[in-house]
Amino acid sequence: MTNKLCILFYVGRQTRKGKPIKVSHSLKMNKGGGGVGHSGGGGGGVQGNTGPTSAAYAAAAQKQKNLLQRVDNDINNIVDNFSYLVNVARVNDPRVRNSQEAFMMEMRAARMVQAADTLLKLVSELKQTAIFSGFASLNEHVEQRTIEFNQQAERTDRMLARIGEEAAASLKELESHYYSSIQRTNKFETGDK
């Protein structure tokens, strides 16, 4: 399931052509429930599954929730600062007010750059996480499944050995019963084979 977060923001001022300024942002991220064997929902709880894979899924869902919150905060910061920049971009005020607003614009622009830098670092972190932890978790999962299959093979071998021993004991018992039976001794005495 993929959710799309859209931010559409109309600034209260108008441009020279009389149309409102529109700032929009679209963010598309997976909010959980898309993988094989996972239950739907972005809340993080896995219903009915237990074990290491469900714990890993819950941890991944929590990490994704935290990353989404970081992205939302950074995007909100950028949009708020941009709207403030547009609102204070007036030319008709006195010079003192213009210098104060110029300072505020510089400060807001610096905050926007900082938020954009944070988003870029987040993207880099996500790429590194996808590259490195993807292989590590895949190798861990393969090793875990190999151990499980080896244990299953050992249990199967023990079960087959036990079944073989029981079959041999039952066959021996049947042979002794047959050779000591009255019908076999009667066939031998009458000459029938």
C-alpha atoms as a PDB file:
ATOM      1  CA  MET A   1       0.000   0.000   0.000  1.00  0.00           C
ATOM      2  CA  THR A   2       1.455   3.349  -0.989  1.00  0.00           C
ATOM      3  CA  ASN A   3       0.191   6.595   0.437  1.00  0.00           C
ATOM      4  CA  LYS A   4       0.815   9.915  -1.209  1.00  0.00           C
ATOM      5  CA  LEU A   5       1.315  12.985   0.921  1.00  0.00           C
ATOM      6  CA  CYS A   6       0.457  16.189  -0.913  1.00  0.00           C
ATOM      7  CA  ILE A   7       1.067  19.647   0.428  1.00  0.00           C
ATOM      8  CA  LEU A   8      -0.730  22.402  -1.425  1.00  0.00           C
ATOM      9  CA  PHE A   9      -0.241  25.847  -0.003  1.00  0.00           C
ATOM     10  CA  TYR A  10      -1.640  29.136  -1.224  1.00  0.00           C
ATOM     11  CA  VAL A  11       0.167  32.178   0.051  1.00  0.00           C
ATOM     12  CA  GLY A  12      -2.079  35.097   1.034  1.00  0.00           C
ATOM     13  CA  ARG A  13      -0.325  37.578  -1.247  1.00  0.00           C
ATOM     14  CA  GLN A  14      -0.841  37.902  -4.938  1.00  0.00           C
ATOM     15  CA  THR A  15       1.684  38.280  -7.709  1.00  0.00           C
ATOM     16  CA  ARG A  16       1.822  41.224 -10.078  1.00  0.00           C
ATOM     17  CA  LYS A  17      -0.542  39.451 -12.447  1.00  0.00           C
ATOM     18  CA  GLY A  18      -3.137  39.148  -9.675  1.00  0.00           C
ATOM     19  CA  LYS A  19      -2.898  35.365  -9.273  1.00  0.00           C
ATOM     20  CA  PRO A  20      -2.105  33.716  -5.940  1.00  0.00           C
ATOM     21  CA  ILE A  21       1.276  32.125  -5.444  1.00  0.00           C
ATOM     22  CA  LYS A  22       1.010  28.363  -5.154  1.00  0.00           C
ATOM     23  CA  VAL A  23       3.565  26.168  -3.420  1.00  0.00           C
ATOM     24  CA  SER A  24       3.014  22.452  -3.770  1.00  0.00           C
ATOM     25  CA  HIS A  25       4.925  19.395  -2.710  1.00  0.00           C
ATOM     26  CA  SER A  26       4.202  15.747  -3.311  1.00  0.00           C
ATOM     27  CA  LEU A  27       5.831  12.960  -1.328  1.00  0.00           C
ATOM     28  CA  LYS A  28       5.206   9.320  -2.125  1.00  0.00           C
ATOM     29  CA  MET A  29       6.353   6.757   0.427  1.00  0.00           C
ATOM     30  CA  ASN A  30       5.434   3.229   1.357  1.00  0.00           C
ATOM     31  CA  LYS A  31       3.608   3.291   4.694  1.00  0.00           C
ATOM     32  CA  GLY A  32       3.878  -0.450   5.386  1.00  0.00           C
ATOM     33  CA  GLY A  33       2.092  -3.614   4.411  1.00  0.00           C
ATOM     34  CA  GLY A  34       3.572  -4.057   0.950  1.00  0.00           C
ATOM     35  CA  GLY A  35       5.916  -6.976   1.533  1.00  0.00           C
ATOM     36  CA  VAL A  36       5.339 -10.684   1.234  1.00  0.00           C
ATOM     37  CA  GLY A  37       3.975 -12.218   4.382  1.00  0.00           C
ATOM     38  CA  HIS A  38       3.303  -8.956   6.138  1.00  0.00           C
ATOM     39  CA  SER A  39      -0.045  -7.812   7.372  1.00  0.00           C
ATOM     40  CA  GLY A  40      -1.363  -4.495   6.151  1.00  0.00           C
ATOM     41  CA  GLY A  41      -1.309  -1.253   8.023  1.00  0.00           C
ATOM     42  CA  GLY A  42       1.354   1.197   8.889  1.00  0.00           C
ATOM     43  CA  GLY A  43       0.967   0.981  12.653  1.00  0.00           C
ATOM     44  CA  GLY A  44       3.775  -1.502  13.177  1.00  0.00           C
ATOM     45  CA  GLY A  45       1.974  -4.436  14.802  1.00  0.00           C
ATOM     46  CA  VAL A  46       2.062  -7.754  13.017  1.00  0.00           C
ATOM     47  CA  GLN A  47      -1.043  -9.804  13.594  1.00  0.00           C
ATOM     48  CA  GLY A  48      -0.697 -13.542  14.101  1.00  0.00           C
ATOM     49  CA  ASN A  49       3.028 -13.709  13.279  1.00  0.00           C
ATOM     50  CA  THR A  50       5.710 -14.293  15.845  1.00  0.00           C
ATOM     51  CA  GLY A  51       9.432 -14.744  15.643  1.00  0.00           C
ATOM     52  CA  PRO A  52      12.398 -12.862  14.270  1.00  0.00           C
ATOM     53  CA  THR A  53      10.812 -11.823  10.976  1.00  0.00           C
ATOM     54  CA  SER A  54       7.829 -10.194  12.661  1.00  0.00           C
ATOM     55  CA  ALA A  55      10.136  -8.429  15.122  1.00  0.00           C
ATOM     56  CA  ALA A  56      12.267  -7.195  12.230  1.00  0.00           C
ATOM     57  CA  TYR A  57       9.139  -6.038  10.428  1.00  0.00           C
ATOM     58  CA  ALA A  58       7.929  -4.182  13.519  1.00  0.00           C
ATOM     59  CA  ALA A  59      11.334  -2.513  13.900  1.00  0.00           C
ATOM     60  CA  ALA A  60      11.346  -1.560  10.217  1.00  0.00           C
ATOM     61  CA  ALA A  61       7.821  -0.150  10.505  1.00  0.00           C
ATOM     62  CA  GLN A  62       8.839   1.931  13.537  1.00  0.00           C
ATOM     63  CA  LYS A  63      11.948   3.179  11.742  1.00  0.00           C
ATOM     64  CA  GLN A  64       9.865   4.070   8.695  1.00  0.00           C
ATOM     65  CA  LYS A  65       7.392   5.934  10.908  1.00  0.00           C
ATOM     66  CA  ASN A  66      10.257   7.945  12.426  1.00  0.00           C
ATOM     67  CA  LEU A  67      11.666   8.722   8.982  1.00  0.00           C
ATOM     68  CA  LEU A  68       8.249   9.855   7.753  1.00  0.00           C
ATOM     69  CA  GLN A  69       7.976  12.171  10.760  1.00  0.00           C
ATOM     70  CA  ARG A  70      11.400  13.623   9.976  1.00  0.00           C
ATOM     71  CA  VAL A  71      10.420  14.172   6.351  1.00  0.00           C
ATOM     72  CA  ASP A  72       7.115  15.772   7.360  1.00  0.00           C
ATOM     73  CA  ASN A  73       8.859  18.108   9.810  1.00  0.00           C
ATOM     74  CA  ASP A  74      11.467  19.173   7.247  1.00  0.00           C
ATOM     75  CA  ILE A  75       8.878  19.745   4.523  1.00  0.00           C
ATOM     76  CA  ASN A  76       6.667  21.740   6.891  1.00  0.00           C
ATOM     77  CA  ASN A  77       9.702  23.804   7.873  1.00  0.00           C
ATOM     78  CA  ILE A  78      10.509  24.545   4.223  1.00  0.00           C
ATOM     79  CA  VAL A  79       6.906  25.458   3.379  1.00  0.00           C
ATOM     80  CA  ASP A  80       6.503  27.678   6.461  1.00  0.00           C
ATOM     81  CA  ASN A  81       9.748  29.522   5.794  1.00  0.00           C
ATOM     82  CA  PHE A  82       8.947  29.949   2.107  1.00  0.00           C
ATOM     83  CA  SER A  83       5.501  31.335   2.870  1.00  0.00           C
ATOM     84  CA  TYR A  84       7.057  33.745   5.359  1.00  0.00           C
ATOM     85  CA  LEU A  85       9.592  34.839   2.715  1.00  0.00           C
ATOM     86  CA  VAL A  86       6.791  35.558   0.276  1.00  0.00           C
ATOM     87  CA  ASN A  87       4.755  37.435   2.909  1.00  0.00           C
ATOM     88  CA  VAL A  88       7.610  39.729   3.954  1.00  0.00           C
ATOM     89  CA  ALA A  89       8.769  40.488   0.415  1.00  0.00           C
ATOM     90  CA  ARG A  90       7.264  43.986   0.360  1.00  0.00           C
ATOM     91  CA  VAL A  91       8.833  46.996  -1.238  1.00  0.00           C
ATOM     92  CA  ASN A  92       6.480  49.793  -0.129  1.00  0.00           C
ATOM     93  CA  ASP A  93       7.481  49.970   3.587  1.00  0.00           C
ATOM     94  CA  PRO A  94       9.986  52.370   5.165  1.00  0.00           C
ATOM     95  CA  ARG A  95      13.707  51.619   4.949  1.00  0.00           C
ATOM     96  CA  VAL A  96      14.025  50.461   8.574  1.00  0.00           C
ATOM     97  CA  ARG A  97      11.247  47.988   8.135  1.00  0.00           C
ATOM     98  CA  ASN A  98      12.789  46.833   4.863  1.00  0.00           C
ATOM     99  CA  SER A  99      16.111  46.155   6.590  1.00  0.00           C
ATOM    100  CA  GLN A 100      14.347  44.193   9.353  1.00  0.00           C
ATOM    101  CA  GLU A 101      12.455  42.182   6.777  1.00  0.00           C
ATOM    102  CA  ALA A 102      15.650  41.636   4.783  1.00  0.00           C
ATOM    103  CA  PHE A 103      17.238  40.190   7.922  1.00  0.00           C
ATOM    104  CA  MET A 104      14.176  37.990   8.512  1.00  0.00           C
ATOM    105  CA  MET A 105      14.275  36.870   4.887  1.00  0.00           C
ATOM    106  CA  GLU A 106      17.933  35.897   5.215  1.00  0.00           C
ATOM    107  CA  MET A 107      17.181  34.004   8.413  1.00  0.00           C
ATOM    108  CA  ARG A 108      14.215  32.181   6.845  1.00  0.00           C
ATOM    109  CA  ALA A 109      16.228  31.398   3.728  1.00  0.00           C
ATOM    110  CA  ALA A 110      18.979  29.952   5.926  1.00  0.00           C
ATOM    111  CA  ARG A 111      16.400  27.798   7.714  1.00  0.00           C
ATOM    112  CA  MET A 112      15.067  26.592   4.359  1.00  0.00           C
ATOM    113  CA  VAL A 113      18.580  25.670   3.252  1.00  0.00           C
ATOM    114  CA  GLN A 114      19.128  23.864   6.555  1.00  0.00           C
ATOM    115  CA  ALA A 115      15.864  21.902   6.167  1.00  0.00           C
ATOM    116  CA  ALA A 116      16.723  21.028   2.558  1.00  0.00           C
ATOM    117  CA  ASP A 117      20.179  19.892   3.691  1.00  0.00           C
ATOM    118  CA  THR A 118      18.542  17.711   6.345  1.00  0.00           C
ATOM    119  CA  LEU A 119      16.324  16.157   3.673  1.00  0.00           C
ATOM    120  CA  LEU A 120      19.350  15.451   1.470  1.00  0.00           C
ATOM    121  CA  LYS A 121      21.141  13.811   4.402  1.00  0.00           C
ATOM    122  CA  LEU A 122      18.022  11.745   5.060  1.00  0.00           C
ATOM    123  CA  VAL A 123      17.974  10.564   1.443  1.00  0.00           C
ATOM    124  CA  SER A 124      21.657   9.632   1.689  1.00  0.00           C
ATOM    125  CA  GLU A 125      21.014   7.783   4.954  1.00  0.00           C
ATOM    126  CA  LEU A 126      18.113   5.900   3.374  1.00  0.00           C
ATOM    127  CA  LYS A 127      20.289   4.881   0.431  1.00  0.00           C
ATOM    128  CA  GLN A 128      23.050   3.625   2.718  1.00  0.00           C
ATOM    129  CA  THR A 129      20.547   1.785   4.887  1.00  0.00           C
ATOM    130  CA  ALA A 130      18.962   0.154   1.856  1.00  0.00           C
ATOM    131  CA  ILE A 131      22.343  -0.929   0.518  1.00  0.00           C
ATOM    132  CA  PHE A 132      24.046  -2.149   3.680  1.00  0.00           C
ATOM    133  CA  SER A 133      21.263  -3.370   5.927  1.00  0.00           C
ATOM    134  CA  GLY A 134      19.521  -4.995   2.970  1.00  0.00           C
ATOM    135  CA  PHE A 135      22.446  -7.374   2.477  1.00  0.00           C
ATOM    136  CA  ALA A 136      22.955  -7.916   6.184  1.00  0.00           C
ATOM    137  CA  SER A 137      19.325  -8.742   6.872  1.00  0.00           C
ATOM    138  CA  LEU A 138      19.144 -10.917   3.759  1.00  0.00           C
ATOM    139  CA  ASN A 139      22.243 -12.875   4.823  1.00  0.00           C
ATOM    140  CA  GLU A 140      20.895 -13.192   8.359  1.00  0.00           C
ATOM    141  CA  HIS A 141      17.568 -14.472   7.032  1.00  0.00           C
ATOM    142  CA  VAL A 142      19.330 -16.996   4.752  1.00  0.00           C
ATOM    143  CA  GLU A 143      21.490 -18.247   7.640  1.00  0.00           C
ATOM    144  CA  GLN A 144      18.455 -18.549   9.891  1.00  0.00           C
ATOM    145  CA  ARG A 145      16.514 -20.507   7.253  1.00  0.00           C
ATOM    146  CA  THR A 146      19.552 -22.767   6.669  1.00  0.00           C
ATOM    147  CA  ILE A 147      19.693 -23.571  10.394  1.00  0.00           C
ATOM    148  CA  GLU A 148      15.946 -24.262  10.456  1.00  0.00           C
ATOM    149  CA  PHE A 149      16.188 -26.579   7.440  1.00  0.00           C
ATOM    150  CA  ASN A 150      19.184 -28.420   8.935  1.00  0.00           C
ATOM    151  CA  GLN A 151      17.241 -28.968  12.163  1.00  0.00           C
ATOM    152  CA  GLN A 152      14.240 -30.191  10.168  1.00  0.00           C
ATOM    153  CA  ALA A 153      16.509 -32.594   8.235  1.00  0.00           C
ATOM    154  CA  GLU A 154      17.940 -33.963  11.510  1.00  0.00           C
ATOM    155  CA  ARG A 155      14.436 -34.475  12.926  1.00  0.00           C
ATOM    156  CA  THR A 156      13.371 -36.215   9.719  1.00  0.00           C
ATOM    157  CA  ASP A 157      16.446 -38.500   9.796  1.00  0.00           C
ATOM    158  CA  ARG A 158      15.740 -39.442  13.425  1.00  0.00           C
ATOM    159  CA  MET A 159      12.083 -40.116  12.613  1.00  0.00           C
ATOM    160  CA  LEU A 160      13.006 -42.299   9.614  1.00  0.00           C
ATOM    161  CA  ALA A 161      15.532 -44.261  11.713  1.00  0.00           C
ATOM    162  CA  ARG A 162      12.883 -44.829  14.399  1.00  0.00           C
ATOM    163  CA  ILE A 163      10.321 -45.931  11.789  1.00  0.00           C
ATOM    164  CA  GLY A 164      12.910 -48.319  10.275  1.00  0.00           C
ATOM    165  CA  GLU A 165      13.660 -49.835  13.682  1.00  0.00           C
ATOM    166  CA  GLU A 166       9.950 -50.246  14.441  1.00  0.00           C
ATOM    167  CA  ALA A 167       9.353 -51.833  11.010  1.00  0.00           C
ATOM    168  CA  ALA A 168      12.272 -54.254  11.522  1.00  0.00           C
ATOM    169  CA  ALA A 169      10.975 -55.223  14.975  1.00  0.00           C
ATOM    170  CA  SER A 170       7.441 -55.703  13.618  1.00  0.00           C
ATOM    171  CA  LEU A 171       8.733 -57.797  10.697  1.00  0.00           C
ATOM    172  CA  LYS A 172      10.797 -59.956  13.046  1.00  0.00           C
ATOM    173  CA  GLU A 173       7.757 -60.456  15.278  1.00  0.00           C
ATOM    174  CA  LEU A 174       5.584 -61.361  12.267  1.00  0.00           C
ATOM    175  CA  GLU A 175       8.206 -63.827  10.994  1.00  0.00           C
ATOM    176  CA  SER A 176       8.466 -65.545  14.364  1.00  0.00           C
ATOM    177  CA  HIS A 177       4.695 -65.684  14.604  1.00  0.00           C
ATOM    178  CA  TYR A 178       4.422 -67.116  11.076  1.00  0.00           C
ATOM    179  CA  TYR A 179       7.112 -69.763  11.565  1.00  0.00           C
ATOM    180  CA  SER A 180       5.569 -70.870  14.840  1.00  0.00           C
ATOM    181  CA  SER A 181       2.001 -70.879  13.515  1.00  0.00           C
ATOM    182  CA  ILE A 182      -0.106 -74.037  13.173  1.00  0.00           C
ATOM    183  CA  GLN A 183      -0.865 -73.499   9.486  1.00  0.00           C
ATOM    184  CA  ARG A 184       2.817 -73.542   8.502  1.00  0.00           C
ATOM    185  CA  THR A 185       3.541 -76.648  10.536  1.00  0.00           C
ATOM    186  CA  ASN A 186       0.450 -78.355   9.023  1.00  0.00           C
ATOM    187  CA  LYS A 187       1.643 -77.528   5.475  1.00  0.00           C
ATOM    188  CA  PHE A 188       5.046 -79.007   6.226  1.00  0.00           C
ATOM    189  CA  GLU A 189       3.559 -82.222   7.622  1.00  0.00           C
ATOM    190  CA  THR A 190       1.160 -82.747   4.687  1.00  0.00           C
ATOM    191  CA  GLY A 191       3.799 -81.908   2.089  1.00  0.00           C
ATOM    192  CA  ASP A 192       2.069 -78.850   0.647  1.00  0.00           C
ATOM    193  CA  LYS A 193       4.224 -75.950  -0.091  1.00  0.00           C
END
